[in-house]
Amino acid sequence: MNGEAWLEASLAADGEVVEAVSEVLARFVSGGVVIESTQIKNEIGGEGRVTGLLRVSGYMQVDDQLEETKQKLREALWHLGQILPVPEIQFKPVADLNWSVVWKEHFQPVQIGEKLVIVPVWMDDSKDNRIAIKIDPGMAFGTGTHPTTQLCLEIICDLLDPIKTGKNQSASLIDVGCGSGILGIAALKLGAYKGLGVDLDPMAVDSARKSAQINGVADKLELEVGSLEEIKAGKFSISRAEIIVANILAPVILRLLDDGLRELITPGGKLILSGILEDQVLEIESKIEAAKLKLVEKHQMGDWIALVAE
């Protein structure tokens, strides 16, 4: 691809906006979409913690269809903007694009909690004994930099820590709306014995399977197209688990709770709900109570909140 002219399309925003934009942008660009932080606070050892806005970007080849492609992208983002506040997309010419260099310029290792570090596939594992989760930043289904994902990862770390829980036995996990599969991958590398991830997007499931292979957990993590209905119908190898995760949008969480999400939780198990903004918490908490679940933890990062129920 070197020697060809390209146009970078990007925008920076917070929260669910970037996640939604990445799915739209992926339809119009080549080489995948990357979500990255605009600010990383450096920590000891050269690794960092994500802060600030997130940036989503992708690249269009400059050809006879470029203006038509740009217009279609603008239209798609306009429709998305009727649901979420979408900043204006920015375009910048780029020459001699080398994909292997493009993604490497932006991504740095990110520490999660006390045990995990997210590293790109081309980088060596962490040298401070953290468990490395390998990701491909060119995949458009979540790289672990989003606050909602970080909250989930930190909670999963705690739930699988025998010292903090006082439990030596392992656990299983079901991730409803798994995206890149990073939560299931992390759980298995932290000691869970089996996992199931489902998503309605076949491309996300395919991306998650590739990530599971990269991280050496493909034999323990079942990844399928589907959602709550298919899990409850027994279509997969797991229909109940000790840890259930739904890192989606608040309206979807409300619907899942109405549709019997609690039925997936084994006795004494935990339900992690994330993707919730501050002004949505009360409605979610009310629905948790209506579902005869007990709210036991609340975690916050910026404007985002994750709840743990049992």
C-alpha atoms as a PDB file:
ATOM      1  CA  MET A   1       0.000   0.000   0.000  1.00  0.00           C
ATOM      2  CA  ASN A   2       3.011   2.289   0.200  1.00  0.00           C
ATOM      3  CA  GLY A   3       3.081   5.087  -2.367  1.00  0.00           C
ATOM      4  CA  GLU A   4      -0.688   5.443  -2.488  1.00  0.00           C
ATOM      5  CA  ALA A   5      -2.538   8.516  -1.244  1.00  0.00           C
ATOM      6  CA  TRP A   6      -4.910   8.130   1.695  1.00  0.00           C
ATOM      7  CA  LEU A   7      -7.306  10.281   3.678  1.00  0.00           C
ATOM      8  CA  GLU A   8      -7.500   9.923   7.449  1.00  0.00           C
ATOM      9  CA  ALA A   9     -11.015  10.254   8.916  1.00  0.00           C
ATOM     10  CA  SER A  10     -11.131  10.823  12.659  1.00  0.00           C
ATOM     11  CA  LEU A  11     -12.937  12.414  15.561  1.00  0.00           C
ATOM     12  CA  ALA A  12     -12.463  12.617  19.321  1.00  0.00           C
ATOM     13  CA  ALA A  13     -15.282  12.246  21.801  1.00  0.00           C
ATOM     14  CA  ASP A  14     -16.238  10.637  25.078  1.00  0.00           C
ATOM     15  CA  GLY A  15     -18.043   7.482  25.994  1.00  0.00           C
ATOM     16  CA  GLU A  16     -20.534   5.599  23.913  1.00  0.00           C
ATOM     17  CA  VAL A  17     -20.166   8.110  21.058  1.00  0.00           C
ATOM     18  CA  VAL A  18     -16.758   6.742  20.037  1.00  0.00           C
ATOM     19  CA  GLU A  19     -17.888   3.122  20.310  1.00  0.00           C
ATOM     20  CA  ALA A  20     -20.874   3.803  18.045  1.00  0.00           C
ATOM     21  CA  VAL A  21     -18.855   5.908  15.595  1.00  0.00           C
ATOM     22  CA  SER A  22     -16.247   3.147  15.237  1.00  0.00           C
ATOM     23  CA  GLU A  23     -18.900   0.739  14.008  1.00  0.00           C
ATOM     24  CA  VAL A  24     -20.105   3.267  11.419  1.00  0.00           C
ATOM     25  CA  LEU A  25     -16.603   4.286  10.309  1.00  0.00           C
ATOM     26  CA  ALA A  26     -15.530   0.654   9.805  1.00  0.00           C
ATOM     27  CA  ARG A  27     -17.977   0.391   6.880  1.00  0.00           C
ATOM     28  CA  PHE A  28     -16.183   3.076   4.865  1.00  0.00           C
ATOM     29  CA  VAL A  29     -12.448   2.667   5.544  1.00  0.00           C
ATOM     30  CA  SER A  30      -9.650   0.220   4.732  1.00  0.00           C
ATOM     31  CA  GLY A  31      -7.374  -1.598   7.167  1.00  0.00           C
ATOM     32  CA  GLY A  32      -9.693  -1.435  10.174  1.00  0.00           C
ATOM     33  CA  VAL A  33     -10.557   1.205  12.744  1.00  0.00           C
ATOM     34  CA  VAL A  34      -8.583   2.066  15.848  1.00  0.00           C
ATOM     35  CA  ILE A  35      -9.864   3.551  19.118  1.00  0.00           C
ATOM     36  CA  GLU A  36      -7.166   5.234  21.161  1.00  0.00           C
ATOM     37  CA  SER A  37      -6.803   7.602  24.054  1.00  0.00           C
ATOM     38  CA  THR A  38      -5.912  11.225  23.456  1.00  0.00           C
ATOM     39  CA  GLN A  39      -4.202  11.303  26.838  1.00  0.00           C
ATOM     40  CA  ILE A  40      -2.279   8.600  28.697  1.00  0.00           C
ATOM     41  CA  LYS A  41      -0.940   9.190  32.181  1.00  0.00           C
ATOM     42  CA  ASN A  42       2.495   7.594  32.364  1.00  0.00           C
ATOM     43  CA  GLU A  43       3.128   5.158  35.163  1.00  0.00           C
ATOM     44  CA  ILE A  44       6.228   3.405  36.444  1.00  0.00           C
ATOM     45  CA  GLY A  45       7.692   1.014  33.878  1.00  0.00           C
ATOM     46  CA  GLY A  46       6.591   2.975  30.816  1.00  0.00           C
ATOM     47  CA  GLU A  47       3.001   1.806  30.919  1.00  0.00           C
ATOM     48  CA  GLY A  48       0.075   4.131  31.359  1.00  0.00           C
ATOM     49  CA  ARG A  49      -3.526   4.709  32.325  1.00  0.00           C
ATOM     50  CA  VAL A  50      -5.996   6.133  29.833  1.00  0.00           C
ATOM     51  CA  THR A  51      -7.498   9.544  30.596  1.00  0.00           C
ATOM     52  CA  GLY A  52      -9.387  12.158  28.603  1.00  0.00           C
ATOM     53  CA  LEU A  53     -11.265  11.812  25.344  1.00  0.00           C
ATOM     54  CA  LEU A  54     -11.015   8.840  23.008  1.00  0.00           C
ATOM     55  CA  ARG A  55     -10.115   9.169  19.341  1.00  0.00           C
ATOM     56  CA  VAL A  56     -11.456   6.936  16.591  1.00  0.00           C
ATOM     57  CA  SER A  57      -9.771   6.924  13.192  1.00  0.00           C
ATOM     58  CA  GLY A  58      -9.595   5.070   9.905  1.00  0.00           C
ATOM     59  CA  TYR A  59      -8.207   5.551   6.408  1.00  0.00           C
ATOM     60  CA  MET A  60      -9.849   5.979   2.999  1.00  0.00           C
ATOM     61  CA  GLN A  61      -7.983   5.406  -0.248  1.00  0.00           C
ATOM     62  CA  VAL A  62      -7.946   8.489  -2.496  1.00  0.00           C
ATOM     63  CA  ASP A  63      -9.671   7.293  -5.669  1.00  0.00           C
ATOM     64  CA  ASP A  64     -12.565   8.165  -7.967  1.00  0.00           C
ATOM     65  CA  GLN A  65     -15.086   7.079  -5.312  1.00  0.00           C
ATOM     66  CA  LEU A  66     -13.590   9.141  -2.474  1.00  0.00           C
ATOM     67  CA  GLU A  67     -16.078  12.042  -2.524  1.00  0.00           C
ATOM     68  CA  GLU A  68     -19.012   9.635  -2.728  1.00  0.00           C
ATOM     69  CA  THR A  69     -17.589   7.596   0.168  1.00  0.00           C
ATOM     70  CA  LYS A  70     -17.069  10.732   2.268  1.00  0.00           C
ATOM     71  CA  GLN A  71     -20.652  11.809   1.619  1.00  0.00           C
ATOM     72  CA  LYS A  72     -22.026   8.396   2.587  1.00  0.00           C
ATOM     73  CA  LEU A  73     -19.964   8.494   5.786  1.00  0.00           C
ATOM     74  CA  ARG A  74     -21.259  11.969   6.653  1.00  0.00           C
ATOM     75  CA  GLU A  75     -24.832  10.793   6.070  1.00  0.00           C
ATOM     76  CA  ALA A  76     -24.359   7.733   8.268  1.00  0.00           C
ATOM     77  CA  LEU A  77     -22.896   9.868  11.052  1.00  0.00           C
ATOM     78  CA  TRP A  78     -25.753  12.368  10.661  1.00  0.00           C
ATOM     79  CA  HIS A  79     -28.262   9.579  11.291  1.00  0.00           C
ATOM     80  CA  LEU A  80     -26.232   8.433  14.306  1.00  0.00           C
ATOM     81  CA  GLY A  81     -26.244  12.045  15.480  1.00  0.00           C
ATOM     82  CA  GLN A  82     -30.024  11.896  15.811  1.00  0.00           C
ATOM     83  CA  ILE A  83     -29.450   9.442  18.672  1.00  0.00           C
ATOM     84  CA  LEU A  84     -26.101  10.541  20.131  1.00  0.00           C
ATOM     85  CA  PRO A  85     -24.189  13.853  20.009  1.00  0.00           C
ATOM     86  CA  VAL A  86     -21.573  13.133  17.311  1.00  0.00           C
ATOM     87  CA  PRO A  87     -18.737  15.647  16.761  1.00  0.00           C
ATOM     88  CA  GLU A  88     -17.917  16.619  13.185  1.00  0.00           C
ATOM     89  CA  ILE A  89     -15.675  14.142  11.376  1.00  0.00           C
ATOM     90  CA  GLN A  90     -12.257  15.512  10.416  1.00  0.00           C
ATOM     91  CA  PHE A  91     -10.349  14.561   7.248  1.00  0.00           C
ATOM     92  CA  LYS A  92      -6.574  14.803   6.756  1.00  0.00           C
ATOM     93  CA  PRO A  93      -4.504  13.689   3.731  1.00  0.00           C
ATOM     94  CA  VAL A  94      -1.879  11.024   4.430  1.00  0.00           C
ATOM     95  CA  ALA A  95       0.733   9.818   1.907  1.00  0.00           C
ATOM     96  CA  ASP A  96       2.703   6.565   1.816  1.00  0.00           C
ATOM     97  CA  LEU A  97       0.550   4.868   4.428  1.00  0.00           C
ATOM     98  CA  ASN A  98       2.119   1.839   6.069  1.00  0.00           C
ATOM     99  CA  TRP A  99      -0.467  -0.003   8.199  1.00  0.00           C
ATOM    100  CA  SER A 100       2.117  -1.697  10.397  1.00  0.00           C
ATOM    101  CA  VAL A 101       3.413   1.731  11.391  1.00  0.00           C
ATOM    102  CA  VAL A 102       0.087   3.591  11.615  1.00  0.00           C
ATOM    103  CA  TRP A 103      -1.322   1.601  14.545  1.00  0.00           C
ATOM    104  CA  LYS A 104       2.044   1.338  16.341  1.00  0.00           C
ATOM    105  CA  GLU A 105       2.415   5.127  16.462  1.00  0.00           C
ATOM    106  CA  HIS A 106      -0.657   5.529  18.641  1.00  0.00           C
ATOM    107  CA  PHE A 107      -0.999   2.596  21.002  1.00  0.00           C
ATOM    108  CA  GLN A 108       0.772   2.225  24.353  1.00  0.00           C
ATOM    109  CA  PRO A 109       0.356  -0.494  27.016  1.00  0.00           C
ATOM    110  CA  VAL A 110      -2.447   0.265  29.465  1.00  0.00           C
ATOM    111  CA  GLN A 111      -2.463  -0.973  33.059  1.00  0.00           C
ATOM    112  CA  ILE A 112      -5.775  -2.244  34.435  1.00  0.00           C
ATOM    113  CA  GLY A 113      -6.137  -2.617  38.195  1.00  0.00           C
ATOM    114  CA  GLU A 114      -3.356  -4.433  40.001  1.00  0.00           C
ATOM    115  CA  LYS A 115      -2.944  -7.456  37.747  1.00  0.00           C
ATOM    116  CA  LEU A 116      -3.628  -6.743  34.075  1.00  0.00           C
ATOM    117  CA  VAL A 117      -1.960  -4.854  31.270  1.00  0.00           C
ATOM    118  CA  ILE A 118      -3.353  -4.459  27.741  1.00  0.00           C
ATOM    119  CA  VAL A 119      -0.607  -4.649  25.139  1.00  0.00           C
ATOM    120  CA  PRO A 120      -0.703  -4.581  21.314  1.00  0.00           C
ATOM    121  CA  VAL A 121       0.142  -7.832  19.537  1.00  0.00           C
ATOM    122  CA  TRP A 122       3.531  -6.556  18.314  1.00  0.00           C
ATOM    123  CA  MET A 123       4.822  -5.699  21.801  1.00  0.00           C
ATOM    124  CA  ASP A 124       6.465  -7.982  24.362  1.00  0.00           C
ATOM    125  CA  ASP A 125       4.556  -8.883  27.509  1.00  0.00           C
ATOM    126  CA  SER A 126       4.786  -6.663  30.570  1.00  0.00           C
ATOM    127  CA  LYS A 127       7.974  -7.056  32.596  1.00  0.00           C
ATOM    128  CA  ASP A 128       6.351  -6.361  35.986  1.00  0.00           C
ATOM    129  CA  ASN A 129       4.525  -9.717  36.287  1.00  0.00           C
ATOM    130  CA  ARG A 130       1.181  -8.338  35.152  1.00  0.00           C
ATOM    131  CA  ILE A 131      -1.024 -10.626  33.077  1.00  0.00           C
ATOM    132  CA  ALA A 132      -0.866  -9.413  29.473  1.00  0.00           C
ATOM    133  CA  ILE A 133      -3.990  -9.219  27.318  1.00  0.00           C
ATOM    134  CA  LYS A 134      -2.872  -9.049  23.679  1.00  0.00           C
ATOM    135  CA  ILE A 135      -5.058  -6.965  21.379  1.00  0.00           C
ATOM    136  CA  ASP A 136      -4.982  -5.864  17.756  1.00  0.00           C
ATOM    137  CA  PRO A 137      -5.734  -2.102  17.760  1.00  0.00           C
ATOM    138  CA  GLY A 138      -6.764  -2.345  14.104  1.00  0.00           C
ATOM    139  CA  MET A 139      -9.910  -4.273  15.052  1.00  0.00           C
ATOM    140  CA  ALA A 140     -12.974  -2.083  15.505  1.00  0.00           C
ATOM    141  CA  PHE A 141     -14.680  -3.825  18.405  1.00  0.00           C
ATOM    142  CA  GLY A 142     -12.979  -2.476  21.515  1.00  0.00           C
ATOM    143  CA  THR A 143      -9.360  -2.397  22.664  1.00  0.00           C
ATOM    144  CA  GLY A 144      -9.916  -2.064  26.404  1.00  0.00           C
ATOM    145  CA  THR A 145      -9.180   1.664  26.545  1.00  0.00           C
ATOM    146  CA  HIS A 146     -12.803   2.689  27.089  1.00  0.00           C
ATOM    147  CA  PRO A 147     -13.687   3.497  30.744  1.00  0.00           C
ATOM    148  CA  THR A 148     -16.649   1.080  30.737  1.00  0.00           C
ATOM    149  CA  THR A 149     -14.380  -1.797  29.716  1.00  0.00           C
ATOM    150  CA  GLN A 150     -11.717  -0.822  32.245  1.00  0.00           C
ATOM    151  CA  LEU A 151     -14.303  -0.801  35.019  1.00  0.00           C
ATOM    152  CA  CYS A 152     -15.448  -4.297  34.051  1.00  0.00           C
ATOM    153  CA  LEU A 153     -11.881  -5.589  33.908  1.00  0.00           C
ATOM    154  CA  GLU A 154     -11.088  -4.218  37.367  1.00  0.00           C
ATOM    155  CA  ILE A 155     -14.235  -5.803  38.821  1.00  0.00           C
ATOM    156  CA  ILE A 156     -13.480  -9.158  37.166  1.00  0.00           C
ATOM    157  CA  CYS A 157      -9.969  -9.001  38.678  1.00  0.00           C
ATOM    158  CA  ASP A 158     -11.500  -8.619  42.131  1.00  0.00           C
ATOM    159  CA  LEU A 159     -14.119 -11.348  41.633  1.00  0.00           C
ATOM    160  CA  LEU A 160     -11.463 -13.841  40.529  1.00  0.00           C
ATOM    161  CA  ASP A 161      -8.976 -12.935  43.272  1.00  0.00           C
ATOM    162  CA  PRO A 162      -9.037 -15.749  45.893  1.00  0.00           C
ATOM    163  CA  ILE A 163      -7.471 -13.480  48.496  1.00  0.00           C
ATOM    164  CA  LYS A 164     -10.178 -10.828  48.156  1.00  0.00           C
ATOM    165  CA  THR A 165     -13.077 -13.263  47.784  1.00  0.00           C
ATOM    166  CA  GLY A 166     -11.924 -15.970  50.173  1.00  0.00           C
ATOM    167  CA  LYS A 167     -12.845 -18.540  47.511  1.00  0.00           C
ATOM    168  CA  ASN A 168     -10.346 -20.955  46.015  1.00  0.00           C
ATOM    169  CA  GLN A 169     -12.624 -22.508  43.394  1.00  0.00           C
ATOM    170  CA  SER A 170     -12.621 -21.164  39.855  1.00  0.00           C
ATOM    171  CA  ALA A 171     -15.590 -19.552  38.126  1.00  0.00           C
ATOM    172  CA  SER A 172     -17.221 -19.373  34.713  1.00  0.00           C
ATOM    173  CA  LEU A 173     -18.266 -16.194  32.892  1.00  0.00           C
ATOM    174  CA  ILE A 174     -20.907 -15.178  30.367  1.00  0.00           C
ATOM    175  CA  ASP A 175     -20.437 -11.913  28.470  1.00  0.00           C
ATOM    176  CA  VAL A 176     -23.626 -10.628  26.826  1.00  0.00           C
ATOM    177  CA  GLY A 177     -22.596  -8.262  24.023  1.00  0.00           C
ATOM    178  CA  CYS A 178     -18.965  -9.398  24.015  1.00  0.00           C
ATOM    179  CA  GLY A 179     -17.574  -7.118  21.275  1.00  0.00           C
ATOM    180  CA  SER A 180     -13.846  -7.880  21.043  1.00  0.00           C
ATOM    181  CA  GLY A 181     -14.131 -10.629  23.665  1.00  0.00           C
ATOM    182  CA  ILE A 182     -11.610  -8.886  25.891  1.00  0.00           C
ATOM    183  CA  LEU A 183     -13.601  -9.465  29.111  1.00  0.00           C
ATOM    184  CA  GLY A 184     -13.868 -13.211  28.594  1.00  0.00           C
ATOM    185  CA  ILE A 185     -10.212 -13.413  27.565  1.00  0.00           C
ATOM    186  CA  ALA A 186      -9.152 -11.533  30.703  1.00  0.00           C
ATOM    187  CA  ALA A 187     -11.319 -13.721  32.945  1.00  0.00           C
ATOM    188  CA  LEU A 188      -9.778 -16.913  31.579  1.00  0.00           C
ATOM    189  CA  LYS A 189      -6.232 -15.576  31.942  1.00  0.00           C
ATOM    190  CA  LEU A 190      -7.111 -14.596  35.527  1.00  0.00           C
ATOM    191  CA  GLY A 191      -8.183 -18.154  36.338  1.00  0.00           C
ATOM    192  CA  ALA A 192     -11.780 -18.656  35.176  1.00  0.00           C
ATOM    193  CA  TYR A 193     -12.234 -22.187  33.826  1.00  0.00           C
ATOM    194  CA  LYS A 194     -14.703 -21.483  31.021  1.00  0.00           C
ATOM    195  CA  GLY A 195     -16.395 -18.581  29.271  1.00  0.00           C
ATOM    196  CA  LEU A 196     -19.119 -17.743  26.787  1.00  0.00           C
ATOM    197  CA  GLY A 197     -19.333 -14.518  24.800  1.00  0.00           C
ATOM    198  CA  VAL A 198     -22.261 -13.634  22.550  1.00  0.00           C
ATOM    199  CA  ASP A 199     -22.842 -10.668  20.272  1.00  0.00           C
ATOM    200  CA  LEU A 200     -25.439  -9.802  17.633  1.00  0.00           C
ATOM    201  CA  ASP A 201     -22.730  -8.662  15.197  1.00  0.00           C
ATOM    202  CA  PRO A 202     -21.086 -11.594  13.348  1.00  0.00           C
ATOM    203  CA  MET A 203     -18.044  -9.426  12.585  1.00  0.00           C
ATOM    204  CA  ALA A 204     -17.549  -8.746  16.285  1.00  0.00           C
ATOM    205  CA  VAL A 205     -17.735 -12.471  17.031  1.00  0.00           C
ATOM    206  CA  ASP A 206     -15.164 -13.203  14.318  1.00  0.00           C
ATOM    207  CA  SER A 207     -12.889 -10.496  15.754  1.00  0.00           C
ATOM    208  CA  ALA A 208     -13.315 -11.946  19.252  1.00  0.00           C
ATOM    209  CA  ARG A 209     -12.376 -15.431  18.056  1.00  0.00           C
ATOM    210  CA  LYS A 210      -9.161 -14.091  16.540  1.00  0.00           C
ATOM    211  CA  SER A 211      -8.356 -12.304  19.809  1.00  0.00           C
ATOM    212  CA  ALA A 212      -9.013 -15.491  21.799  1.00  0.00           C
ATOM    213  CA  GLN A 213      -6.556 -17.360  19.577  1.00  0.00           C
ATOM    214  CA  ILE A 214      -3.930 -14.640  19.950  1.00  0.00           C
ATOM    215  CA  ASN A 215      -4.253 -14.921  23.748  1.00  0.00           C
ATOM    216  CA  GLY A 216      -4.233 -18.733  23.843  1.00  0.00           C
ATOM    217  CA  VAL A 217      -7.707 -19.184  25.328  1.00  0.00           C
ATOM    218  CA  ALA A 218      -9.719 -20.182  22.251  1.00  0.00           C
ATOM    219  CA  ASP A 219     -10.291 -23.694  23.669  1.00  0.00           C
ATOM    220  CA  LYS A 220     -11.964 -22.288  26.797  1.00  0.00           C
ATOM    221  CA  LEU A 221     -13.912 -19.345  25.376  1.00  0.00           C
ATOM    222  CA  GLU A 222     -17.001 -20.103  23.279  1.00  0.00           C
ATOM    223  CA  LEU A 223     -17.916 -17.163  21.053  1.00  0.00           C
ATOM    224  CA  GLU A 224     -21.201 -17.169  19.161  1.00  0.00           C
ATOM    225  CA  VAL A 225     -23.712 -14.899  17.426  1.00  0.00           C
ATOM    226  CA  GLY A 226     -26.689 -14.390  19.720  1.00  0.00           C
ATOM    227  CA  SER A 227     -27.940 -12.744  22.879  1.00  0.00           C
ATOM    228  CA  LEU A 228     -29.907 -13.467  26.040  1.00  0.00           C
ATOM    229  CA  GLU A 229     -32.691 -15.351  24.283  1.00  0.00           C
ATOM    230  CA  GLU A 230     -30.319 -17.884  22.730  1.00  0.00           C
ATOM    231  CA  ILE A 231     -28.442 -18.403  26.010  1.00  0.00           C
ATOM    232  CA  LYS A 232     -31.655 -19.059  27.925  1.00  0.00           C
ATOM    233  CA  ALA A 233     -32.775 -21.474  25.190  1.00  0.00           C
ATOM    234  CA  GLY A 234     -29.681 -23.602  25.861  1.00  0.00           C
ATOM    235  CA  LYS A 235     -28.139 -23.149  22.411  1.00  0.00           C
ATOM    236  CA  PHE A 236     -24.614 -22.843  23.791  1.00  0.00           C
ATOM    237  CA  SER A 237     -22.388 -24.884  26.109  1.00  0.00           C
ATOM    238  CA  ILE A 238     -23.072 -22.534  29.050  1.00  0.00           C
ATOM    239  CA  SER A 239     -26.466 -21.215  30.106  1.00  0.00           C
ATOM    240  CA  ARG A 240     -25.567 -20.090  33.646  1.00  0.00           C
ATOM    241  CA  ALA A 241     -22.368 -18.811  35.241  1.00  0.00           C
ATOM    242  CA  GLU A 242     -20.887 -17.388  38.410  1.00  0.00           C
ATOM    243  CA  ILE A 243     -20.044 -14.092  36.667  1.00  0.00           C
ATOM    244  CA  ILE A 244     -22.365 -12.425  34.151  1.00  0.00           C
ATOM    245  CA  VAL A 245     -21.249  -9.276  32.325  1.00  0.00           C
ATOM    246  CA  ALA A 246     -23.290  -6.851  30.230  1.00  0.00           C
ATOM    247  CA  ASN A 247     -21.074  -3.973  29.104  1.00  0.00           C
ATOM    248  CA  ILE A 248     -23.518  -2.379  26.678  1.00  0.00           C
ATOM    249  CA  LEU A 249     -25.703   0.742  26.659  1.00  0.00           C
ATOM    250  CA  ALA A 250     -28.127   1.543  29.473  1.00  0.00           C
ATOM    251  CA  PRO A 251     -31.320   1.099  27.376  1.00  0.00           C
ATOM    252  CA  VAL A 252     -30.148  -2.379  26.369  1.00  0.00           C
ATOM    253  CA  ILE A 253     -29.335  -3.245  29.980  1.00  0.00           C
ATOM    254  CA  LEU A 254     -32.861  -2.243  31.006  1.00  0.00           C
ATOM    255  CA  ARG A 255     -34.327  -4.511  28.342  1.00  0.00           C
ATOM    256  CA  LEU A 256     -32.085  -7.428  29.326  1.00  0.00           C
ATOM    257  CA  LEU A 257     -33.145  -7.118  32.946  1.00  0.00           C
ATOM    258  CA  ASP A 258     -36.789  -7.165  31.872  1.00  0.00           C
ATOM    259  CA  ASP A 259     -36.128 -10.235  29.732  1.00  0.00           C
ATOM    260  CA  GLY A 260     -34.670 -12.307  32.562  1.00  0.00           C
ATOM    261  CA  LEU A 261     -30.935 -11.605  32.677  1.00  0.00           C
ATOM    262  CA  ARG A 262     -30.923 -12.691  36.344  1.00  0.00           C
ATOM    263  CA  GLU A 263     -31.723 -16.258  35.264  1.00  0.00           C
ATOM    264  CA  LEU A 264     -28.155 -16.638  33.985  1.00  0.00           C
ATOM    265  CA  ILE A 265     -26.634 -16.087  37.443  1.00  0.00           C
ATOM    266  CA  THR A 266     -25.787 -19.164  39.504  1.00  0.00           C
ATOM    267  CA  PRO A 267     -26.581 -19.007  43.271  1.00  0.00           C
ATOM    268  CA  GLY A 268     -24.104 -16.665  44.912  1.00  0.00           C
ATOM    269  CA  GLY A 269     -22.943 -15.362  41.534  1.00  0.00           C
ATOM    270  CA  LYS A 270     -22.445 -11.756  40.464  1.00  0.00           C
ATOM    271  CA  LEU A 271     -23.862  -9.593  37.661  1.00  0.00           C
ATOM    272  CA  ILE A 272     -21.681  -6.781  36.286  1.00  0.00           C
ATOM    273  CA  LEU A 273     -23.547  -4.012  34.459  1.00  0.00           C
ATOM    274  CA  SER A 274     -21.519  -1.324  32.685  1.00  0.00           C
ATOM    275  CA  GLY A 275     -21.967   1.306  29.975  1.00  0.00           C
ATOM    276  CA  ILE A 276     -24.052   3.435  32.341  1.00  0.00           C
ATOM    277  CA  LEU A 277     -23.832   7.230  32.549  1.00  0.00           C
ATOM    278  CA  GLU A 278     -24.427   9.078  35.817  1.00  0.00           C
ATOM    279  CA  ASP A 279     -27.890  10.297  34.859  1.00  0.00           C
ATOM    280  CA  GLN A 280     -28.956   6.731  33.986  1.00  0.00           C
ATOM    281  CA  VAL A 281     -27.973   5.076  37.265  1.00  0.00           C
ATOM    282  CA  LEU A 282     -31.184   5.540  39.225  1.00  0.00           C
ATOM    283  CA  GLU A 283     -33.273   3.916  36.501  1.00  0.00           C
ATOM    284  CA  ILE A 284     -30.888   0.959  36.321  1.00  0.00           C
ATOM    285  CA  GLU A 285     -30.836   0.598  40.115  1.00  0.00           C
ATOM    286  CA  SER A 286     -34.637   0.578  40.197  1.00  0.00           C
ATOM    287  CA  LYS A 287     -34.716  -2.129  37.532  1.00  0.00           C
ATOM    288  CA  ILE A 288     -32.156  -4.189  39.478  1.00  0.00           C
ATOM    289  CA  GLU A 289     -34.429  -4.090  42.521  1.00  0.00           C
ATOM    290  CA  ALA A 290     -37.469  -4.992  40.411  1.00  0.00           C
ATOM    291  CA  ALA A 291     -35.560  -8.011  39.087  1.00  0.00           C
ATOM    292  CA  LYS A 292     -35.125  -9.184  42.702  1.00  0.00           C
ATOM    293  CA  LEU A 293     -31.382  -8.597  42.649  1.00  0.00           C
ATOM    294  CA  LYS A 294     -29.311  -6.880  45.330  1.00  0.00           C
ATOM    295  CA  LEU A 295     -26.965  -4.033  44.401  1.00  0.00           C
ATOM    296  CA  VAL A 296     -23.656  -4.691  46.175  1.00  0.00           C
ATOM    297  CA  GLU A 297     -21.059  -2.450  44.487  1.00  0.00           C
ATOM    298  CA  LYS A 298     -20.833   0.765  42.492  1.00  0.00           C
ATOM    299  CA  HIS A 299     -17.681   1.773  40.608  1.00  0.00           C
ATOM    300  CA  GLN A 300     -17.087   5.018  38.723  1.00  0.00           C
ATOM    301  CA  MET A 301     -14.554   6.340  36.188  1.00  0.00           C
ATOM    302  CA  GLY A 302     -15.276   9.839  34.930  1.00  0.00           C
ATOM    303  CA  ASP A 303     -18.923  10.014  33.896  1.00  0.00           C
ATOM    304  CA  TRP A 304     -19.216   6.230  33.596  1.00  0.00           C
ATOM    305  CA  ILE A 305     -20.530   3.852  36.234  1.00  0.00           C
ATOM    306  CA  ALA A 306     -20.475   0.071  36.616  1.00  0.00           C
ATOM    307  CA  LEU A 307     -22.792  -1.745  39.020  1.00  0.00           C
ATOM    308  CA  VAL A 308     -22.405  -5.166  40.605  1.00  0.00           C
ATOM    309  CA  ALA A 309     -25.494  -7.062  41.728  1.00  0.00           C
ATOM    310  CA  GLU A 310     -26.086 -10.511  43.176  1.00  0.00           C
END
